[in-house]
Amino acid sequence: LHPDLQTAYDIKEAYQAWFDTNKRKERRDVRQTLHDFYQLVRDTHLPEFIKAIGTLERWETEIINAFIYPHLSNGFVEGINNRTKVIKRTSYGFKNFSRFRAKILAQHFIKDFDISVG
């Protein structure tokens, strides 16, 4: 096995171990172990992984928050966005923006209810 390939595998395993052990820990503990991981990667001198560390550093706050607040999600908002796109796609265009807006509001915020006659 090529040494760089073994090193890449070891880095991947170290990241997986970091990910698994940091669920629901304190912010400073997660941050410290993440910085330890950064140093581990920098010590390997593999440019592809060092570039990946730059991405992790840019998104560090968001990554740490995902561990600290695992119950938070933007899934609800993504669902609204998806439904809005479906309305737009199936309506074959609207000439009047206020009608488009009204249809979106009606679809999203008016709850389904049953009407029985007789």
PDB file of N, CA and C in Angstrom:
ATOM      1  N   LEU A   1       0.850  -1.184   0.000  1.00  0.00           N
ATOM      2  CA  LEU A   1       0.000   0.000   0.000  1.00  0.00           C
ATOM      3  C   LEU A   1       0.892   1.242   0.000  1.00  0.00           C
ATOM      4  N   HIS A   2       0.557   2.193  -0.846  1.00  0.00           N
ATOM      5  CA  HIS A   2       1.324   3.436  -0.924  1.00  0.00           C
ATOM      6  C   HIS A   2       1.195   4.201   0.391  1.00  0.00           C
ATOM      7  N   PRO A   3       2.290   4.779   0.878  1.00  0.00           N
ATOM      8  CA  PRO A   3       2.243   5.484   2.173  1.00  0.00           C
ATOM      9  C   PRO A   3       1.212   6.623   2.218  1.00  0.00           C
ATOM     10  N   ASP A   4       1.076   7.373   1.111  1.00  0.00           N
ATOM     11  CA  ASP A   4       0.098   8.466   1.094  1.00  0.00           C
ATOM     12  C   ASP A   4      -1.330   7.936   1.185  1.00  0.00           C
ATOM     13  N   LEU A   5      -1.570   6.794   0.555  1.00  0.00           N
ATOM     14  CA  LEU A   5      -2.903   6.197   0.618  1.00  0.00           C
ATOM     15  C   LEU A   5      -3.210   5.721   2.037  1.00  0.00           C
ATOM     16  N   GLN A   6      -2.219   5.129   2.690  1.00  0.00           N
ATOM     17  CA  GLN A   6      -2.405   4.706   4.084  1.00  0.00           C
ATOM     18  C   GLN A   6      -2.654   5.920   4.979  1.00  0.00           C
ATOM     19  N   THR A   7      -1.916   6.998   4.745  1.00  0.00           N
ATOM     20  CA  THR A   7      -2.101   8.224   5.524  1.00  0.00           C
ATOM     21  C   THR A   7      -3.493   8.799   5.308  1.00  0.00           C
ATOM     22  N   ALA A   8      -3.946   8.803   4.061  1.00  0.00           N
ATOM     23  CA  ALA A   8      -5.290   9.306   3.754  1.00  0.00           C
ATOM     24  C   ALA A   8      -6.344   8.472   4.472  1.00  0.00           C
ATOM     25  N   TYR A   9      -6.164   7.172   4.474  1.00  0.00           N
ATOM     26  CA  TYR A   9      -7.105   6.292   5.175  1.00  0.00           C
ATOM     27  C   TYR A   9      -7.097   6.581   6.677  1.00  0.00           C
ATOM     28  N   ASP A  10      -5.914   6.770   7.231  1.00  0.00           N
ATOM     29  CA  ASP A  10      -5.804   7.061   8.664  1.00  0.00           C
ATOM     30  C   ASP A  10      -6.479   8.389   9.012  1.00  0.00           C
ATOM     31  N   ILE A  11      -6.343   9.385   8.136  1.00  0.00           N
ATOM     32  CA  ILE A  11      -7.005  10.677   8.364  1.00  0.00           C
ATOM     33  C   ILE A  11      -8.517  10.503   8.325  1.00  0.00           C
ATOM     34  N   LYS A  12      -8.987   9.731   7.363  1.00  0.00           N
ATOM     35  CA  LYS A  12     -10.431   9.484   7.263  1.00  0.00           C
ATOM     36  C   LYS A  12     -10.942   8.805   8.525  1.00  0.00           C
ATOM     37  N   GLU A  13     -10.210   7.835   9.016  1.00  0.00           N
ATOM     38  CA  GLU A  13     -10.603   7.137  10.242  1.00  0.00           C
ATOM     39  C   GLU A  13     -10.559   8.074  11.448  1.00  0.00           C
ATOM     40  N   ALA A  14      -9.567   8.957  11.495  1.00  0.00           N
ATOM     41  CA  ALA A  14      -9.472   9.920  12.599  1.00  0.00           C
ATOM     42  C   ALA A  14     -10.649  10.887  12.574  1.00  0.00           C
ATOM     43  N   TYR A  15     -11.048  11.317  11.375  1.00  0.00           N
ATOM     44  CA  TYR A  15     -12.208  12.208  11.257  1.00  0.00           C
ATOM     45  C   TYR A  15     -13.478  11.488  11.703  1.00  0.00           C
ATOM     46  N   GLN A  16     -13.639  10.245  11.290  1.00  0.00           N
ATOM     47  CA  GLN A  16     -14.819   9.475  11.691  1.00  0.00           C
ATOM     48  C   GLN A  16     -14.855   9.300  13.204  1.00  0.00           C
ATOM     49  N   ALA A  17     -13.708   9.036  13.796  1.00  0.00           N
ATOM     50  CA  ALA A  17     -13.639   8.892  15.253  1.00  0.00           C
ATOM     51  C   ALA A  17     -13.970  10.219  15.930  1.00  0.00           C
ATOM     52  N   TRP A  18     -13.453  11.328  15.390  1.00  0.00           N
ATOM     53  CA  TRP A  18     -13.774  12.651  15.941  1.00  0.00           C
ATOM     54  C   TRP A  18     -15.276  12.893  15.867  1.00  0.00           C
ATOM     55  N   PHE A  19     -15.856  12.591  14.726  1.00  0.00           N
ATOM     56  CA  PHE A  19     -17.285  12.809  14.516  1.00  0.00           C
ATOM     57  C   PHE A  19     -18.106  11.994  15.515  1.00  0.00           C
ATOM     58  N   ASP A  20     -17.754  10.738  15.694  1.00  0.00           N
ATOM     59  CA  ASP A  20     -18.522   9.851  16.571  1.00  0.00           C
ATOM     60  C   ASP A  20     -18.381  10.206  18.047  1.00  0.00           C
ATOM     61  N   THR A  21     -17.227  10.702  18.465  1.00  0.00           N
ATOM     62  CA  THR A  21     -17.000  10.959  19.891  1.00  0.00           C
ATOM     63  C   THR A  21     -17.436  12.345  20.335  1.00  0.00           C
ATOM     64  N   ASN A  22     -17.796  13.232  19.427  1.00  0.00           N
ATOM     65  CA  ASN A  22     -18.113  14.602  19.821  1.00  0.00           C
ATOM     66  C   ASN A  22     -19.595  14.922  19.853  1.00  0.00           C
ATOM     67  N   LYS A  23     -20.434  13.945  19.752  1.00  0.00           N
ATOM     68  CA  LYS A  23     -21.870  14.206  19.804  1.00  0.00           C
ATOM     69  C   LYS A  23     -22.263  14.628  21.219  1.00  0.00           C
ATOM     70  N   ARG A  24     -22.942  15.771  21.313  1.00  0.00           N
ATOM     71  CA  ARG A  24     -23.483  16.306  22.570  1.00  0.00           C
ATOM     72  C   ARG A  24     -22.404  16.624  23.606  1.00  0.00           C
ATOM     73  N   LYS A  25     -21.264  17.092  23.167  1.00  0.00           N
ATOM     74  CA  LYS A  25     -20.240  17.553  24.093  1.00  0.00           C
ATOM     75  C   LYS A  25     -20.326  19.069  24.213  1.00  0.00           C
ATOM     76  N   GLU A  26     -19.576  19.608  25.139  1.00  0.00           N
ATOM     77  CA  GLU A  26     -19.513  21.058  25.317  1.00  0.00           C
ATOM     78  C   GLU A  26     -18.783  21.697  24.137  1.00  0.00           C
ATOM     79  N   ARG A  27     -19.147  22.944  23.852  1.00  0.00           N
ATOM     80  CA  ARG A  27     -18.587  23.668  22.707  1.00  0.00           C
ATOM     81  C   ARG A  27     -17.058  23.693  22.738  1.00  0.00           C
ATOM     82  N   ARG A  28     -16.474  24.031  23.874  1.00  0.00           N
ATOM     83  CA  ARG A  28     -15.006  24.158  23.914  1.00  0.00           C
ATOM     84  C   ARG A  28     -14.331  22.812  23.690  1.00  0.00           C
ATOM     85  N   ASP A  29     -14.961  21.715  24.169  1.00  0.00           N
ATOM     86  CA  ASP A  29     -14.387  20.382  23.960  1.00  0.00           C
ATOM     87  C   ASP A  29     -14.421  19.996  22.483  1.00  0.00           C
ATOM     88  N   VAL A  30     -15.546  20.281  21.827  1.00  0.00           N
ATOM     89  CA  VAL A  30     -15.667  19.979  20.399  1.00  0.00           C
ATOM     90  C   VAL A  30     -14.649  20.797  19.619  1.00  0.00           C
ATOM     91  N   ARG A  31     -14.548  22.087  19.955  1.00  0.00           N
ATOM     92  CA  ARG A  31     -13.602  22.965  19.257  1.00  0.00           C
ATOM     93  C   ARG A  31     -12.166  22.479  19.451  1.00  0.00           C
ATOM     94  N   GLN A  32     -11.808  22.119  20.673  1.00  0.00           N
ATOM     95  CA  GLN A  32     -10.439  21.680  20.938  1.00  0.00           C
ATOM     96  C   GLN A  32     -10.110  20.401  20.176  1.00  0.00           C
ATOM     97  N   THR A  33     -11.012  19.437  20.189  1.00  0.00           N
ATOM     98  CA  THR A  33     -10.732  18.191  19.471  1.00  0.00           C
ATOM     99  C   THR A  33     -10.703  18.418  17.959  1.00  0.00           C
ATOM    100  N   LEU A  34     -11.497  19.377  17.472  1.00  0.00           N
ATOM    101  CA  LEU A  34     -11.450  19.706  16.046  1.00  0.00           C
ATOM    102  C   LEU A  34     -10.107  20.339  15.696  1.00  0.00           C
ATOM    103  N   HIS A  35      -9.603  21.217  16.559  1.00  0.00           N
ATOM    104  CA  HIS A  35      -8.297  21.832  16.307  1.00  0.00           C
ATOM    105  C   HIS A  35      -7.178  20.793  16.378  1.00  0.00           C
ATOM    106  N   ASP A  36      -7.327  19.818  17.261  1.00  0.00           N
ATOM    107  CA  ASP A  36      -6.352  18.718  17.303  1.00  0.00           C
ATOM    108  C   ASP A  36      -6.364  17.943  15.982  1.00  0.00           C
ATOM    109  N   PHE A  37      -7.566  17.740  15.433  1.00  0.00           N
ATOM    110  CA  PHE A  37      -7.681  17.060  14.137  1.00  0.00           C
ATOM    111  C   PHE A  37      -7.022  17.888  13.037  1.00  0.00           C
ATOM    112  N   TYR A  38      -7.228  19.211  13.056  1.00  0.00           N
ATOM    113  CA  TYR A  38      -6.577  20.086  12.067  1.00  0.00           C
ATOM    114  C   TYR A  38      -5.064  19.880  12.104  1.00  0.00           C
ATOM    115  N   GLN A  39      -4.505  19.859  13.309  1.00  0.00           N
ATOM    116  CA  GLN A  39      -3.055  19.718  13.439  1.00  0.00           C
ATOM    117  C   GLN A  39      -2.591  18.360  12.929  1.00  0.00           C
ATOM    118  N   LEU A  40      -3.352  17.323  13.215  1.00  0.00           N
ATOM    119  CA  LEU A  40      -3.027  15.985  12.707  1.00  0.00           C
ATOM    120  C   LEU A  40      -2.939  16.001  11.186  1.00  0.00           C
ATOM    121  N   VAL A  41      -3.899  16.649  10.544  1.00  0.00           N
ATOM    122  CA  VAL A  41      -3.920  16.712   9.079  1.00  0.00           C
ATOM    123  C   VAL A  41      -2.749  17.539   8.564  1.00  0.00           C
ATOM    124  N   ARG A  42      -2.482  18.670   9.195  1.00  0.00           N
ATOM    125  CA  ARG A  42      -1.362  19.519   8.734  1.00  0.00           C
ATOM    126  C   ARG A  42      -0.019  18.790   8.845  1.00  0.00           C
ATOM    127  N   ASP A  43       0.108  17.952   9.848  1.00  0.00           N
ATOM    128  CA  ASP A  43       1.359  17.208  10.030  1.00  0.00           C
ATOM    129  C   ASP A  43       1.590  16.183   8.926  1.00  0.00           C
ATOM    130  N   THR A  44       0.549  15.790   8.202  1.00  0.00           N
ATOM    131  CA  THR A  44       0.705  14.813   7.121  1.00  0.00           C
ATOM    132  C   THR A  44       1.255  15.442   5.847  1.00  0.00           C
ATOM    133  N   HIS A  45       1.066  16.739   5.684  1.00  0.00           N
ATOM    134  CA  HIS A  45       1.528  17.482   4.500  1.00  0.00           C
ATOM    135  C   HIS A  45       0.887  16.994   3.201  1.00  0.00           C
ATOM    136  N   LEU A  46      -0.312  16.437   3.279  1.00  0.00           N
ATOM    137  CA  LEU A  46      -1.043  16.049   2.068  1.00  0.00           C
ATOM    138  C   LEU A  46      -1.893  17.237   1.622  1.00  0.00           C
ATOM    139  N   PRO A  47      -1.602  17.805   0.445  1.00  0.00           N
ATOM    140  CA  PRO A  47      -2.267  19.054   0.043  1.00  0.00           C
ATOM    141  C   PRO A  47      -3.785  18.948  -0.082  1.00  0.00           C
ATOM    142  N   GLU A  48      -4.284  17.807  -0.502  1.00  0.00           N
ATOM    143  CA  GLU A  48      -5.736  17.659  -0.660  1.00  0.00           C
ATOM    144  C   GLU A  48      -6.451  17.759   0.686  1.00  0.00           C
ATOM    145  N   PHE A  49      -5.856  17.165   1.694  1.00  0.00           N
ATOM    146  CA  PHE A  49      -6.475  17.209   3.015  1.00  0.00           C
ATOM    147  C   PHE A  49      -6.284  18.570   3.676  1.00  0.00           C
ATOM    148  N   ILE A  50      -5.173  19.208   3.414  1.00  0.00           N
ATOM    149  CA  ILE A  50      -4.960  20.551   3.960  1.00  0.00           C
ATOM    150  C   ILE A  50      -5.974  21.518   3.357  1.00  0.00           C
ATOM    151  N   LYS A  51      -6.282  21.351   2.072  1.00  0.00           N
ATOM    152  CA  LYS A  51      -7.321  22.167   1.441  1.00  0.00           C
ATOM    153  C   LYS A  51      -8.676  21.895   2.099  1.00  0.00           C
ATOM    154  N   ALA A  52      -8.963  20.638   2.391  1.00  0.00           N
ATOM    155  CA  ALA A  52     -10.227  20.291   3.051  1.00  0.00           C
ATOM    156  C   ALA A  52     -10.308  20.915   4.444  1.00  0.00           C
ATOM    157  N   ILE A  53      -9.183  20.985   5.133  1.00  0.00           N
ATOM    158  CA  ILE A  53      -9.156  21.617   6.453  1.00  0.00           C
ATOM    159  C   ILE A  53      -9.532  23.093   6.337  1.00  0.00           C
ATOM    160  N   GLY A  54      -9.107  23.746   5.261  1.00  0.00           N
ATOM    161  CA  GLY A  54      -9.497  25.144   5.051  1.00  0.00           C
ATOM    162  C   GLY A  54     -11.006  25.300   4.985  1.00  0.00           C
ATOM    163  N   THR A  55     -11.665  24.364   4.319  1.00  0.00           N
ATOM    164  CA  THR A  55     -13.130  24.392   4.248  1.00  0.00           C
ATOM    165  C   THR A  55     -13.733  24.180   5.629  1.00  0.00           C
ATOM    166  N   LEU A  56     -13.214  23.217   6.373  1.00  0.00           N
ATOM    167  CA  LEU A  56     -13.719  22.983   7.728  1.00  0.00           C
ATOM    168  C   LEU A  56     -13.524  24.216   8.605  1.00  0.00           C
ATOM    169  N   GLU A  57     -12.394  24.891   8.463  1.00  0.00           N
ATOM    170  CA  GLU A  57     -12.140  26.092   9.264  1.00  0.00           C
ATOM    171  C   GLU A  57     -13.120  27.208   8.923  1.00  0.00           C
ATOM    172  N   ARG A  58     -13.433  27.358   7.637  1.00  0.00           N
ATOM    173  CA  ARG A  58     -14.385  28.405   7.244  1.00  0.00           C
ATOM    174  C   ARG A  58     -15.780  28.134   7.799  1.00  0.00           C
ATOM    175  N   TRP A  59     -16.139  26.886   7.938  1.00  0.00           N
ATOM    176  CA  TRP A  59     -17.473  26.509   8.414  1.00  0.00           C
ATOM    177  C   TRP A  59     -17.447  25.995   9.858  1.00  0.00           C
ATOM    178  N   GLU A  60     -16.393  26.304  10.584  1.00  0.00           N
ATOM    179  CA  GLU A  60     -16.204  25.737  11.919  1.00  0.00           C
ATOM    180  C   GLU A  60     -17.365  26.034  12.870  1.00  0.00           C
ATOM    181  N   THR A  61     -17.822  27.263  12.909  1.00  0.00           N
ATOM    182  CA  THR A  61     -18.920  27.618  13.818  1.00  0.00           C
ATOM    183  C   THR A  61     -20.157  26.787  13.529  1.00  0.00           C
ATOM    184  N   GLU A  62     -20.488  26.661  12.258  1.00  0.00           N
ATOM    185  CA  GLU A  62     -21.674  25.898  11.880  1.00  0.00           C
ATOM    186  C   GLU A  62     -21.506  24.410  12.197  1.00  0.00           C
ATOM    187  N   ILE A  63     -20.312  23.885  11.967  1.00  0.00           N
ATOM    188  CA  ILE A  63     -20.047  22.472  12.258  1.00  0.00           C
ATOM    189  C   ILE A  63     -20.177  22.211  13.753  1.00  0.00           C
ATOM    190  N   ILE A  64     -19.590  23.077  14.557  1.00  0.00           N
ATOM    191  CA  ILE A  64     -19.664  22.909  16.010  1.00  0.00           C
ATOM    192  C   ILE A  64     -21.107  23.030  16.488  1.00  0.00           C
ATOM    193  N   ASN A  65     -21.844  23.990  15.943  1.00  0.00           N
ATOM    194  CA  ASN A  65     -23.249  24.147  16.335  1.00  0.00           C
ATOM    195  C   ASN A  65     -24.071  22.907  16.007  1.00  0.00           C
ATOM    196  N   ALA A  66     -23.733  22.226  14.928  1.00  0.00           N
ATOM    197  CA  ALA A  66     -24.455  21.003  14.575  1.00  0.00           C
ATOM    198  C   ALA A  66     -24.267  19.930  15.648  1.00  0.00           C
ATOM    199  N   PHE A  67     -23.129  19.931  16.316  1.00  0.00           N
ATOM    200  CA  PHE A  67     -22.904  18.979  17.397  1.00  0.00           C
ATOM    201  C   PHE A  67     -23.550  19.436  18.696  1.00  0.00           C
ATOM    202  N   ILE A  68     -23.519  20.737  18.948  1.00  0.00           N
ATOM    203  CA  ILE A  68     -24.051  21.268  20.201  1.00  0.00           C
ATOM    204  C   ILE A  68     -25.580  21.248  20.198  1.00  0.00           C
ATOM    205  N   TYR A  69     -26.181  21.530  19.041  1.00  0.00           N
ATOM    206  CA  TYR A  69     -27.642  21.603  18.919  1.00  0.00           C
ATOM    207  C   TYR A  69     -28.137  20.609  17.866  1.00  0.00           C
ATOM    208  N   PRO A  70     -28.043  19.314  18.126  1.00  0.00           N
ATOM    209  CA  PRO A  70     -28.406  18.338  17.094  1.00  0.00           C
ATOM    210  C   PRO A  70     -29.900  18.302  16.773  1.00  0.00           C
ATOM    211  N   HIS A  71     -30.730  18.849  17.653  1.00  0.00           N
ATOM    212  CA  HIS A  71     -32.176  18.810  17.438  1.00  0.00           C
ATOM    213  C   HIS A  71     -32.654  19.911  16.501  1.00  0.00           C
ATOM    214  N   LEU A  72     -31.792  20.879  16.192  1.00  0.00           N
ATOM    215  CA  LEU A  72     -32.186  21.964  15.301  1.00  0.00           C
ATOM    216  C   LEU A  72     -31.962  21.561  13.850  1.00  0.00           C
ATOM    217  N   SER A  73     -32.896  21.951  13.004  1.00  0.00           N
ATOM    218  CA  SER A  73     -32.812  21.596  11.591  1.00  0.00           C
ATOM    219  C   SER A  73     -33.529  22.649  10.767  1.00  0.00           C
ATOM    220  N   ASN A  74     -33.103  22.819   9.545  1.00  0.00           N
ATOM    221  CA  ASN A  74     -33.819  23.717   8.640  1.00  0.00           C
ATOM    222  C   ASN A  74     -34.735  22.919   7.719  1.00  0.00           C
ATOM    223  N   GLY A  75     -35.046  21.696   8.096  1.00  0.00           N
ATOM    224  CA  GLY A  75     -35.897  20.831   7.286  1.00  0.00           C
ATOM    225  C   GLY A  75     -37.268  21.413   7.016  1.00  0.00           C
ATOM    226  N   PHE A  76     -37.854  22.080   8.009  1.00  0.00           N
ATOM    227  CA  PHE A  76     -39.174  22.679   7.829  1.00  0.00           C
ATOM    228  C   PHE A  76     -39.138  23.736   6.728  1.00  0.00           C
ATOM    229  N   VAL A  77     -38.134  24.604   6.777  1.00  0.00           N
ATOM    230  CA  VAL A  77     -38.007  25.664   5.770  1.00  0.00           C
ATOM    231  C   VAL A  77     -37.719  25.067   4.399  1.00  0.00           C
ATOM    232  N   GLU A  78     -36.882  24.039   4.345  1.00  0.00           N
ATOM    233  CA  GLU A  78     -36.605  23.388   3.068  1.00  0.00           C
ATOM    234  C   GLU A  78     -37.876  22.772   2.487  1.00  0.00           C
ATOM    235  N   GLY A  79     -38.743  22.255   3.349  1.00  0.00           N
ATOM    236  CA  GLY A  79     -40.020  21.724   2.883  1.00  0.00           C
ATOM    237  C   GLY A  79     -40.898  22.803   2.271  1.00  0.00           C
ATOM    238  N   ILE A  80     -40.924  23.975   2.900  1.00  0.00           N
ATOM    239  CA  ILE A  80     -41.689  25.103   2.345  1.00  0.00           C
ATOM    240  C   ILE A  80     -41.121  25.511   0.992  1.00  0.00           C
ATOM    241  N   ASN A  81     -39.801  25.599   0.905  1.00  0.00           N
ATOM    242  CA  ASN A  81     -39.173  25.970  -0.369  1.00  0.00           C
ATOM    243  C   ASN A  81     -39.505  24.957  -1.462  1.00  0.00           C
ATOM    244  N   ASN A  82     -39.463  23.684  -1.124  1.00  0.00           N
ATOM    245  CA  ASN A  82     -39.772  22.648  -2.102  1.00  0.00           C
ATOM    246  C   ASN A  82     -41.217  22.763  -2.575  1.00  0.00           C
ATOM    247  N   ARG A  83     -42.125  22.937  -1.639  1.00  0.00           N
ATOM    248  CA  ARG A  83     -43.538  23.045  -2.008  1.00  0.00           C
ATOM    249  C   ARG A  83     -43.787  24.277  -2.885  1.00  0.00           C
ATOM    250  N   THR A  84     -43.112  25.380  -2.587  1.00  0.00           N
ATOM    251  CA  THR A  84     -43.241  26.594  -3.399  1.00  0.00           C
ATOM    252  C   THR A  84     -42.759  26.340  -4.822  1.00  0.00           C
ATOM    253  N   LYS A  85     -41.653  25.643  -4.967  1.00  0.00           N
ATOM    254  CA  LYS A  85     -41.138  25.331  -6.304  1.00  0.00           C
ATOM    255  C   LYS A  85     -42.092  24.425  -7.071  1.00  0.00           C
ATOM    256  N   VAL A  86     -42.722  23.493  -6.372  1.00  0.00           N
ATOM    257  CA  VAL A  86     -43.702  22.614  -7.022  1.00  0.00           C
ATOM    258  C   VAL A  86     -44.898  23.428  -7.498  1.00  0.00           C
ATOM    259  N   ILE A  87     -45.372  24.356  -6.670  1.00  0.00           N
ATOM    260  CA  ILE A  87     -46.491  25.226  -7.070  1.00  0.00           C
ATOM    261  C   ILE A  87     -46.115  26.014  -8.320  1.00  0.00           C
ATOM    262  N   LYS A  88     -44.928  26.571  -8.321  1.00  0.00           N
ATOM    263  CA  LYS A  88     -44.473  27.365  -9.469  1.00  0.00           C
ATOM    264  C   LYS A  88     -44.394  26.500 -10.723  1.00  0.00           C
ATOM    265  N   ARG A  89     -43.859  25.300 -10.585  1.00  0.00           N
ATOM    266  CA  ARG A  89     -43.681  24.410 -11.729  1.00  0.00           C
ATOM    267  C   ARG A  89     -45.014  23.919 -12.286  1.00  0.00           C
ATOM    268  N   THR A  90     -45.950  23.590 -11.422  1.00  0.00           N
ATOM    269  CA  THR A  90     -47.219  23.027 -11.885  1.00  0.00           C
ATOM    270  C   THR A  90     -48.234  24.083 -12.295  1.00  0.00           C
ATOM    271  N   SER A  91     -47.940  25.342 -12.046  1.00  0.00           N
ATOM    272  CA  SER A  91     -48.886  26.411 -12.393  1.00  0.00           C
ATOM    273  C   SER A  91     -48.646  26.958 -13.793  1.00  0.00           C
ATOM    274  N   TYR A  92     -47.576  26.537 -14.436  1.00  0.00           N
ATOM    275  CA  TYR A  92     -47.243  26.994 -15.790  1.00  0.00           C
ATOM    276  C   TYR A  92     -47.142  28.516 -15.863  1.00  0.00           C
ATOM    277  N   GLY A  93     -46.629  29.119 -14.830  1.00  0.00           N
ATOM    278  CA  GLY A  93     -46.391  30.561 -14.831  1.00  0.00           C
ATOM    279  C   GLY A  93     -47.586  31.367 -14.374  1.00  0.00           C
ATOM    280  N   PHE A  94     -47.292  32.465 -13.739  1.00  0.00           N
ATOM    281  CA  PHE A  94     -48.320  33.403 -13.300  1.00  0.00           C
ATOM    282  C   PHE A  94     -48.024  34.745 -13.942  1.00  0.00           C
ATOM    283  N   LYS A  95     -49.038  35.390 -14.462  1.00  0.00           N
ATOM    284  CA  LYS A  95     -48.855  36.729 -15.019  1.00  0.00           C
ATOM    285  C   LYS A  95     -48.955  37.778 -13.922  1.00  0.00           C
ATOM    286  N   ASN A  96     -49.577  37.405 -12.829  1.00  0.00           N
ATOM    287  CA  ASN A  96     -49.809  38.344 -11.752  1.00  0.00           C
ATOM    288  C   ASN A  96     -49.113  37.810 -10.495  1.00  0.00           C
ATOM    289  N   PHE A  97     -48.110  38.543 -10.005  1.00  0.00           N
ATOM    290  CA  PHE A  97     -47.350  38.086  -8.847  1.00  0.00           C
ATOM    291  C   PHE A  97     -48.230  37.955  -7.611  1.00  0.00           C
ATOM    292  N   SER A  98     -49.194  38.855  -7.440  1.00  0.00           N
ATOM    293  CA  SER A  98     -50.034  38.790  -6.239  1.00  0.00           C
ATOM    294  C   SER A  98     -50.858  37.499  -6.214  1.00  0.00           C
ATOM    295  N   ARG A  99     -51.257  36.983  -7.373  1.00  0.00           N
ATOM    296  CA  ARG A  99     -51.971  35.696  -7.410  1.00  0.00           C
ATOM    297  C   ARG A  99     -51.029  34.542  -7.053  1.00  0.00           C
ATOM    298  N   PHE A 100     -49.816  34.618  -7.571  1.00  0.00           N
ATOM    299  CA  PHE A 100     -48.815  33.602  -7.249  1.00  0.00           C
ATOM    300  C   PHE A 100     -48.561  33.583  -5.739  1.00  0.00           C
ATOM    301  N   ARG A 101     -48.377  34.760  -5.166  1.00  0.00           N
ATOM    302  CA  ARG A 101     -48.154  34.884  -3.723  1.00  0.00           C
ATOM    303  C   ARG A 101     -49.344  34.336  -2.946  1.00  0.00           C
ATOM    304  N   ALA A 102     -50.554  34.687  -3.371  1.00  0.00           N
ATOM    305  CA  ALA A 102     -51.757  34.222  -2.682  1.00  0.00           C
ATOM    306  C   ALA A 102     -51.871  32.699  -2.736  1.00  0.00           C
ATOM    307  N   LYS A 103     -51.524  32.121  -3.872  1.00  0.00           N
ATOM    308  CA  LYS A 103     -51.597  30.659  -3.992  1.00  0.00           C
ATOM    309  C   LYS A 103     -50.582  29.993  -3.066  1.00  0.00           C
ATOM    310  N   ILE A 104     -49.391  30.546  -2.997  1.00  0.00           N
ATOM    311  CA  ILE A 104     -48.365  29.999  -2.103  1.00  0.00           C
ATOM    312  C   ILE A 104     -48.829  30.086  -0.652  1.00  0.00           C
ATOM    313  N   LEU A 105     -49.325  31.253  -0.257  1.00  0.00           N
ATOM    314  CA  LEU A 105     -49.791  31.416   1.122  1.00  0.00           C
ATOM    315  C   LEU A 105     -50.942  30.468   1.427  1.00  0.00           C
ATOM    316  N   ALA A 106     -51.853  30.318   0.488  1.00  0.00           N
ATOM    317  CA  ALA A 106     -52.983  29.416   0.701  1.00  0.00           C
ATOM    318  C   ALA A 106     -52.510  27.975   0.846  1.00  0.00           C
ATOM    319  N   GLN A 107     -51.581  27.554   0.021  1.00  0.00           N
ATOM    320  CA  GLN A 107     -51.091  26.173   0.069  1.00  0.00           C
ATOM    321  C   GLN A 107     -50.313  25.891   1.356  1.00  0.00           C
ATOM    322  N   HIS A 108     -49.552  26.876   1.824  1.00  0.00           N
ATOM    323  CA  HIS A 108     -48.683  26.644   2.975  1.00  0.00           C
ATOM    324  C   HIS A 108     -49.374  26.847   4.314  1.00  0.00           C
ATOM    325  N   PHE A 109     -50.258  27.798   4.378  1.00  0.00           N
ATOM    326  CA  PHE A 109     -50.712  28.223   5.693  1.00  0.00           C
ATOM    327  C   PHE A 109     -52.185  27.986   5.978  1.00  0.00           C
ATOM    328  N   ILE A 110     -52.940  27.549   5.005  1.00  0.00           N
ATOM    329  CA  ILE A 110     -54.329  27.189   5.265  1.00  0.00           C
ATOM    330  C   ILE A 110     -54.359  25.686   5.477  1.00  0.00           C
ATOM    331  N   LYS A 111     -54.750  25.287   6.653  1.00  0.00           N
ATOM    332  CA  LYS A 111     -54.743  23.871   7.011  1.00  0.00           C
ATOM    333  C   LYS A 111     -55.867  23.140   6.291  1.00  0.00           C
ATOM    334  N   ASP A 112     -55.616  21.884   6.015  1.00  0.00           N
ATOM    335  CA  ASP A 112     -56.654  21.046   5.414  1.00  0.00           C
ATOM    336  C   ASP A 112     -57.769  20.837   6.432  1.00  0.00           C
ATOM    337  N   PHE A 113     -58.975  20.896   5.979  1.00  0.00           N
ATOM    338  CA  PHE A 113     -60.096  20.632   6.866  1.00  0.00           C
ATOM    339  C   PHE A 113     -61.170  19.899   6.083  1.00  0.00           C
ATOM    340  N   ASP A 114     -61.922  19.114   6.809  1.00  0.00           N
ATOM    341  CA  ASP A 114     -62.980  18.315   6.196  1.00  0.00           C
ATOM    342  C   ASP A 114     -64.303  19.066   6.266  1.00  0.00           C
ATOM    343  N   ILE A 115     -65.023  19.022   5.186  1.00  0.00           N
ATOM    344  CA  ILE A 115     -66.374  19.580   5.148  1.00  0.00           C
ATOM    345  C   ILE A 115     -67.303  18.427   4.817  1.00  0.00           C
ATOM    346  N   SER A 116     -68.275  18.219   5.671  1.00  0.00           N
ATOM    347  CA  SER A 116     -69.241  17.170   5.372  1.00  0.00           C
ATOM    348  C   SER A 116     -70.612  17.801   5.158  1.00  0.00           C
ATOM    349  N   VAL A 117     -71.256  17.328   4.140  1.00  0.00           N
ATOM    350  CA  VAL A 117     -72.582  17.829   3.800  1.00  0.00           C
ATOM    351  C   VAL A 117     -73.573  16.706   4.074  1.00  0.00           C
ATOM    352  N   GLY A 118     -74.612  17.055   4.824  1.00  0.00           N
ATOM    353  CA  GLY A 118     -75.707  16.115   5.034  1.00  0.00           C
ATOM    354  C   GLY A 118     -75.530  15.148   6.096  1.00  0.00           C
TER     355      GLY A 118
END
